[in-house]
Amino acid sequence: MDNKLRVSNKKRINWNTTIFMVIFHLCAVAALFMFSWQALVVSFMLWWVSGSLGIGMGFHRLLTHRGYRTPKVVEYFLTFCGMLALEGGQINWVVTHRIHHAYTEQPGDPHSPRDGGWWAHMGWILTGTAQQHDEAVMQRYAPDLMKDRVHVWLNRLYFVPLVICGLTLLALGGWSMLMWGVFLRVTLGLHATWLVNSATHMWGRRRFITRDDSTNNWWVALLSFGEGWHNNHHAHPRAARHGLAWYEIDVNWWGIRTLQFLGLAKEIKLINRDATAATTQTGAVPLQRAA
């Protein structure tokens, strides 16, 4: 992707995406006037299911980087959870993120803060790629997923699980449950993910010297279940564990360890702890498999 294409993408408004974003943000505000404790609890649980099980453990660490392996049924389940976040189909999501790693902070990066903080956070969704890619690009960056008929099918129907979820919440808990469990929860979840694209490339601390602007940002990590330890991740993209120090809370890693304990996760890629301590601020270190 060259600079000319990049500029043209910024000028093209994605009207479908923009309209949906406006609707979800307005409904998220309206949800604040429909509070109930039951709706809050359900929303929190769905936030964890979609954001941690789905986006962090599923879309990101499993499908994009293959930091660990699971049986296909578990892989599809985590994918289904990620679809509840309304961040596009999982193949499109993976393609966008793999392109980001291939061109981080360079021409071709879908959401670099060097093009502006607003662009990195939300502008690229409204007037950029918006997770949309043609089949040639998808075949180039995600050939593993494009060969899987189930993933191709789920990618096309990414919005269906959220529709079913919304109708179920409306039937069981009324408008309060729907507004909190879908509109408010999805909107906040989107911004948490976007903060990883924007804030962690602008503010924070760096453990490793990398060629990009990635940082470790504690408050983004809390909002994204551990994805905010972004400098650790960019230094070692395939590592399944992002929070390396005891104080770097990484809920997604705890989830992966739980799967391992249950015998559902294997071939887990990790950063050698001794090597990490010895090479802080010096560069990358080799990966090792979890015991």
Protein backbone atom coordinates (compact mmCIF):
# COMPACT_ATOMS: atom_id res chain seq x y z
CA MET A 1 0.00 0.00 0.00
CA ASP A 2 1.63 3.26 -1.08
CA ASN A 3 1.12 6.82 0.17
CA LYS A 4 -1.18 7.72 -2.74
CA LEU A 5 -3.60 4.90 -1.91
CA ARG A 6 -3.37 5.77 1.74
CA VAL A 7 -4.41 9.38 1.12
CA SER A 8 -7.29 8.31 -1.11
CA ASN A 9 -8.55 5.97 1.60
CA LYS A 10 -8.66 8.84 4.07
CA LYS A 11 -10.87 10.88 1.75
CA ARG A 12 -13.42 8.12 1.24
CA ILE A 13 -16.13 8.04 3.89
CA ASN A 14 -17.36 4.58 4.83
CA TRP A 15 -21.01 5.55 5.11
CA ASN A 16 -22.35 2.21 6.34
CA THR A 17 -19.75 2.05 9.09
CA THR A 18 -20.17 5.72 9.97
CA ILE A 19 -23.96 5.45 10.26
CA PHE A 20 -23.70 2.39 12.49
CA MET A 21 -21.09 4.11 14.67
CA VAL A 22 -23.35 7.14 15.13
CA ILE A 23 -26.32 4.93 16.04
CA PHE A 24 -24.32 2.85 18.53
CA HIS A 25 -22.81 5.92 20.22
CA LEU A 26 -26.20 7.64 20.55
CA CYS A 27 -27.76 4.47 21.96
CA ALA A 28 -24.82 4.07 24.35
CA VAL A 29 -25.58 7.50 25.78
CA ALA A 30 -29.29 6.63 26.00
CA ALA A 31 -28.39 3.44 27.89
CA LEU A 32 -27.05 5.54 30.77
CA PHE A 33 -30.64 6.62 31.48
CA MET A 34 -31.86 2.99 31.60
CA PHE A 35 -29.62 1.66 34.34
CA SER A 36 -30.32 -1.54 36.25
CA TRP A 37 -27.95 -3.69 38.28
CA GLN A 38 -28.97 -6.75 36.31
CA ALA A 39 -28.13 -5.02 33.04
CA LEU A 40 -24.76 -3.93 34.46
CA VAL A 41 -23.81 -7.48 35.48
CA VAL A 42 -24.86 -8.97 32.14
CA SER A 43 -22.98 -6.24 30.26
CA PHE A 44 -19.82 -6.86 32.28
CA MET A 45 -19.97 -10.59 31.55
CA LEU A 46 -20.54 -10.00 27.83
CA TRP A 47 -17.67 -7.48 27.85
CA TRP A 48 -15.35 -10.18 29.18
CA VAL A 49 -16.68 -12.84 26.79
CA SER A 50 -16.37 -10.63 23.71
CA GLY A 51 -13.27 -8.63 24.66
CA SER A 52 -11.14 -11.23 26.43
CA LEU A 53 -12.24 -14.65 25.16
CA GLY A 54 -13.13 -13.28 21.74
CA ILE A 55 -10.84 -10.44 20.70
CA GLY A 56 -7.78 -10.88 22.94
CA MET A 57 -7.50 -14.66 23.22
CA GLY A 58 -9.29 -15.50 19.97
CA PHE A 59 -8.88 -12.96 17.18
CA HIS A 60 -5.51 -11.66 18.35
CA ARG A 61 -3.31 -14.18 20.12
CA LEU A 62 -4.75 -17.32 18.52
CA LEU A 63 -5.91 -16.48 14.99
CA THR A 64 -3.57 -13.61 14.12
CA HIS A 65 -0.29 -14.67 15.73
CA ARG A 66 -0.84 -18.36 16.45
CA GLY A 67 0.73 -17.88 19.86
CA TYR A 68 -0.89 -21.15 20.91
CA ARG A 69 -2.98 -23.97 19.48
CA THR A 70 -6.41 -25.26 20.42
CA PRO A 71 -8.79 -27.91 19.06
CA LYS A 72 -10.85 -26.52 16.18
CA VAL A 73 -14.05 -26.53 18.24
CA VAL A 74 -12.38 -24.24 20.81
CA GLU A 75 -10.99 -22.04 18.04
CA TYR A 76 -14.46 -21.63 16.55
CA PHE A 77 -15.96 -20.96 19.98
CA LEU A 78 -13.46 -18.16 20.69
CA THR A 79 -14.16 -16.79 17.22
CA PHE A 80 -17.89 -16.76 17.98
CA CYS A 81 -17.18 -14.84 21.19
CA GLY A 82 -15.17 -12.26 19.22
CA MET A 83 -18.05 -11.77 16.81
CA LEU A 84 -20.08 -10.39 19.74
CA ALA A 85 -17.68 -7.40 19.81
CA LEU A 86 -18.83 -6.21 16.35
CA GLU A 87 -15.27 -5.56 15.16
CA GLY A 88 -15.86 -7.10 11.75
CA GLY A 89 -15.30 -10.62 10.53
CA GLN A 90 -12.38 -12.43 12.12
CA ILE A 91 -10.53 -12.88 8.81
CA ASN A 92 -10.79 -9.16 8.04
CA TRP A 93 -9.65 -8.41 11.60
CA VAL A 94 -6.65 -10.73 11.27
CA VAL A 95 -5.68 -9.27 7.88
CA THR A 96 -5.78 -5.72 9.26
CA HIS A 97 -3.64 -6.64 12.23
CA ARG A 98 -1.10 -8.60 10.19
CA ILE A 99 -0.76 -5.62 7.85
CA HIS A 100 -0.26 -3.42 10.92
CA HIS A 101 2.65 -5.58 12.06
CA ALA A 102 4.13 -5.72 8.55
CA TYR A 103 4.09 -1.92 8.13
CA THR A 104 4.00 -0.54 11.69
CA GLU A 105 4.51 3.23 11.63
CA GLN A 106 5.28 3.05 7.91
CA PRO A 107 3.25 3.80 4.77
CA GLY A 108 0.72 1.01 4.65
CA ASP A 109 0.00 0.84 8.37
CA PRO A 110 -3.82 1.02 8.60
CA HIS A 111 -3.82 3.03 11.85
CA SER A 112 -0.54 4.70 12.77
CA PRO A 113 -0.66 7.67 15.21
CA ARG A 114 2.03 9.27 13.06
CA ASP A 115 -0.91 10.10 10.80
CA GLY A 116 -2.70 11.65 13.78
CA GLY A 117 -4.14 10.40 17.05
CA TRP A 118 -7.75 10.66 15.83
CA TRP A 119 -6.87 8.74 12.67
CA ALA A 120 -5.24 5.94 14.68
CA HIS A 121 -8.12 5.74 17.13
CA MET A 122 -11.24 6.03 14.99
CA GLY A 123 -10.57 7.92 11.77
CA TRP A 124 -9.33 4.83 9.97
CA ILE A 125 -12.65 3.15 10.74
CA LEU A 126 -14.73 6.03 9.37
CA THR A 127 -12.64 6.98 6.33
CA GLY A 128 -9.93 4.31 6.02
CA THR A 129 -9.85 0.56 5.52
CA ALA A 130 -12.50 -0.03 8.22
CA GLN A 131 -11.48 -3.72 8.31
CA GLN A 132 -12.61 -4.14 4.70
CA HIS A 133 -10.27 -6.01 2.33
CA ASP A 134 -10.69 -7.59 -1.08
CA GLU A 135 -10.18 -11.30 -1.54
CA ALA A 136 -6.67 -10.93 -2.99
CA VAL A 137 -5.46 -9.10 0.12
CA MET A 138 -7.18 -11.62 2.37
CA GLN A 139 -5.56 -14.51 0.50
CA ARG A 140 -2.16 -12.85 0.85
CA TYR A 141 -2.29 -12.06 4.57
CA ALA A 142 -4.56 -14.81 5.90
CA PRO A 143 -4.20 -17.85 3.62
CA ASP A 144 -4.51 -20.15 6.65
CA LEU A 145 -7.97 -18.84 7.50
CA MET A 146 -9.15 -18.54 3.90
CA LYS A 147 -8.60 -22.28 3.51
CA ASP A 148 -10.97 -22.99 6.40
CA ARG A 149 -14.58 -23.08 5.16
CA VAL A 150 -15.99 -22.56 8.64
CA HIS A 151 -13.93 -19.39 9.16
CA VAL A 152 -14.93 -18.08 5.72
CA TRP A 153 -18.58 -18.71 6.57
CA LEU A 154 -18.32 -17.07 10.01
CA ASN A 155 -16.47 -14.11 8.51
CA ARG A 156 -19.41 -13.39 6.21
CA LEU A 157 -21.96 -13.68 9.02
CA TYR A 158 -19.99 -11.82 11.70
CA PHE A 159 -22.98 -9.65 12.70
CA VAL A 160 -25.43 -12.52 13.28
CA PRO A 161 -24.31 -13.52 16.82
CA LEU A 162 -24.78 -9.95 18.06
CA VAL A 163 -28.24 -9.73 16.50
CA ILE A 164 -29.23 -12.99 18.22
CA CYS A 165 -27.69 -11.74 21.47
CA GLY A 166 -29.64 -8.47 21.25
CA LEU A 167 -32.97 -10.17 20.59
CA THR A 168 -32.35 -12.57 23.47
CA LEU A 169 -31.50 -9.75 25.89
CA LEU A 170 -34.57 -7.80 24.81
CA ALA A 171 -36.81 -10.82 25.37
CA LEU A 172 -35.34 -11.71 28.76
CA GLY A 173 -34.54 -8.31 30.26
CA GLY A 174 -36.27 -5.62 28.24
CA TRP A 175 -34.84 -2.43 26.78
CA SER A 176 -32.46 -1.78 29.66
CA MET A 177 -30.74 -5.13 29.10
CA LEU A 178 -30.57 -4.57 25.35
CA MET A 179 -29.18 -1.04 25.58
CA TRP A 180 -26.54 -1.97 28.13
CA GLY A 181 -25.68 -5.44 26.89
CA VAL A 182 -25.37 -4.47 23.24
CA PHE A 183 -25.07 -0.75 22.50
CA LEU A 184 -23.16 0.53 25.53
CA ARG A 185 -21.05 -2.59 25.92
CA VAL A 186 -20.10 -2.78 22.23
CA THR A 187 -19.31 0.93 22.03
CA LEU A 188 -17.01 0.86 25.06
CA GLY A 189 -15.42 -2.36 23.81
CA LEU A 190 -14.67 -0.79 20.44
CA HIS A 191 -12.94 2.17 22.06
CA ALA A 192 -10.92 -0.16 24.30
CA THR A 193 -9.62 -1.95 21.21
CA TRP A 194 -8.98 1.31 19.38
CA LEU A 195 -6.96 2.59 22.33
CA VAL A 196 -4.51 -0.22 21.68
CA ASN A 197 -4.09 1.17 18.15
CA SER A 198 -3.76 4.78 19.26
CA ALA A 199 -2.82 5.32 22.93
CA THR A 200 -0.26 2.51 23.18
CA HIS A 201 1.62 4.02 20.24
CA MET A 202 1.66 7.47 21.86
CA TRP A 203 1.85 7.19 25.67
CA GLY A 204 3.54 4.70 27.97
CA ARG A 205 6.88 3.09 28.71
CA ARG A 206 9.11 0.90 26.58
CA ARG A 207 10.79 -2.26 27.84
CA PHE A 208 12.25 -3.22 24.46
CA ILE A 209 13.82 -1.17 21.71
CA THR A 210 11.69 -1.71 18.62
CA ARG A 211 11.50 0.04 15.26
CA ASP A 212 8.01 1.31 16.00
CA ASP A 213 6.47 3.60 18.64
CA SER A 214 4.78 0.86 20.68
CA THR A 215 4.64 1.33 24.46
CA ASN A 216 3.36 -0.49 27.52
CA ASN A 217 0.33 1.36 28.85
CA TRP A 218 -1.17 0.09 32.12
CA TRP A 219 -4.59 1.71 31.87
CA VAL A 220 -5.12 0.48 28.30
CA ALA A 221 -4.08 -2.97 29.51
CA LEU A 222 -6.79 -2.87 32.18
CA LEU A 223 -9.43 -1.82 29.65
CA SER A 224 -8.39 -4.44 27.10
CA PHE A 225 -7.68 -7.45 29.36
CA GLY A 226 -3.92 -7.22 28.85
CA GLU A 227 -3.54 -5.98 25.27
CA GLY A 228 -2.05 -2.70 26.50
CA TRP A 229 1.38 -4.26 27.13
CA HIS A 230 1.94 -3.37 23.52
CA ASN A 231 5.70 -2.83 23.46
CA ASN A 232 6.17 -6.34 24.84
CA HIS A 233 3.88 -7.59 22.10
CA HIS A 234 5.57 -5.76 19.23
CA ALA A 235 8.97 -6.98 20.40
CA HIS A 236 7.67 -10.57 20.42
CA PRO A 237 4.46 -10.76 18.34
CA ARG A 238 4.02 -14.55 18.58
CA ALA A 239 4.33 -14.70 22.37
CA ALA A 240 1.00 -15.66 23.95
CA ARG A 241 1.84 -13.79 27.16
CA HIS A 242 2.00 -9.99 26.93
CA GLY A 243 2.28 -9.00 30.59
CA LEU A 244 5.79 -10.07 31.56
CA ALA A 245 6.27 -8.56 35.03
CA TRP A 246 4.17 -9.51 38.06
CA TYR A 247 2.46 -6.12 38.03
CA GLU A 248 1.55 -6.31 34.32
CA ILE A 249 -1.98 -7.68 34.64
CA ASP A 250 -2.79 -9.85 31.63
CA VAL A 251 -6.26 -11.38 31.92
CA ASN A 252 -6.01 -12.85 28.42
CA TRP A 253 -2.90 -14.77 29.45
CA TRP A 254 -4.72 -16.11 32.50
CA GLY A 255 -7.42 -17.36 30.14
CA ILE A 256 -4.89 -19.12 27.94
CA ARG A 257 -3.31 -20.73 31.00
CA THR A 258 -6.77 -21.92 32.05
CA LEU A 259 -7.23 -23.54 28.65
CA GLN A 260 -3.83 -25.18 29.06
CA PHE A 261 -4.81 -26.49 32.50
CA LEU A 262 -7.94 -28.00 30.93
CA GLY A 263 -5.87 -29.59 28.19
CA LEU A 264 -7.34 -27.29 25.54
CA ALA A 265 -4.26 -25.21 24.70
CA LYS A 266 -0.84 -26.41 23.59
CA GLU A 267 2.27 -25.25 21.73
CA ILE A 268 2.14 -22.01 23.71
CA LYS A 269 4.82 -19.54 22.63
CA LEU A 270 6.55 -17.61 25.44
CA ILE A 271 9.46 -15.24 25.89
CA ASN A 272 12.33 -16.72 27.88
CA ARG A 273 12.18 -14.92 31.25
CA ASP A 274 15.93 -15.04 31.89
CA ALA A 275 16.65 -13.70 28.44
CA THR A 276 14.03 -10.98 28.91
CA ALA A 277 15.70 -9.74 32.09
CA ALA A 278 19.11 -9.79 30.46
CA THR A 279 18.06 -8.00 27.30
CA THR A 280 15.73 -5.29 28.59
CA GLN A 281 16.14 -2.27 26.34
CA THR A 282 18.43 -4.23 24.00
CA GLY A 283 16.06 -5.97 21.62
CA ALA A 284 14.26 -9.23 21.00
CA VAL A 285 14.91 -12.58 22.61
CA PRO A 286 14.00 -16.09 21.48
CA LEU A 287 10.64 -17.70 22.12
CA GLN A 288 10.19 -20.89 24.09
CA ARG A 289 7.25 -23.24 24.52
CA ALA A 290 5.32 -23.31 27.76
CA ALA A 291 6.02 -26.23 30.03
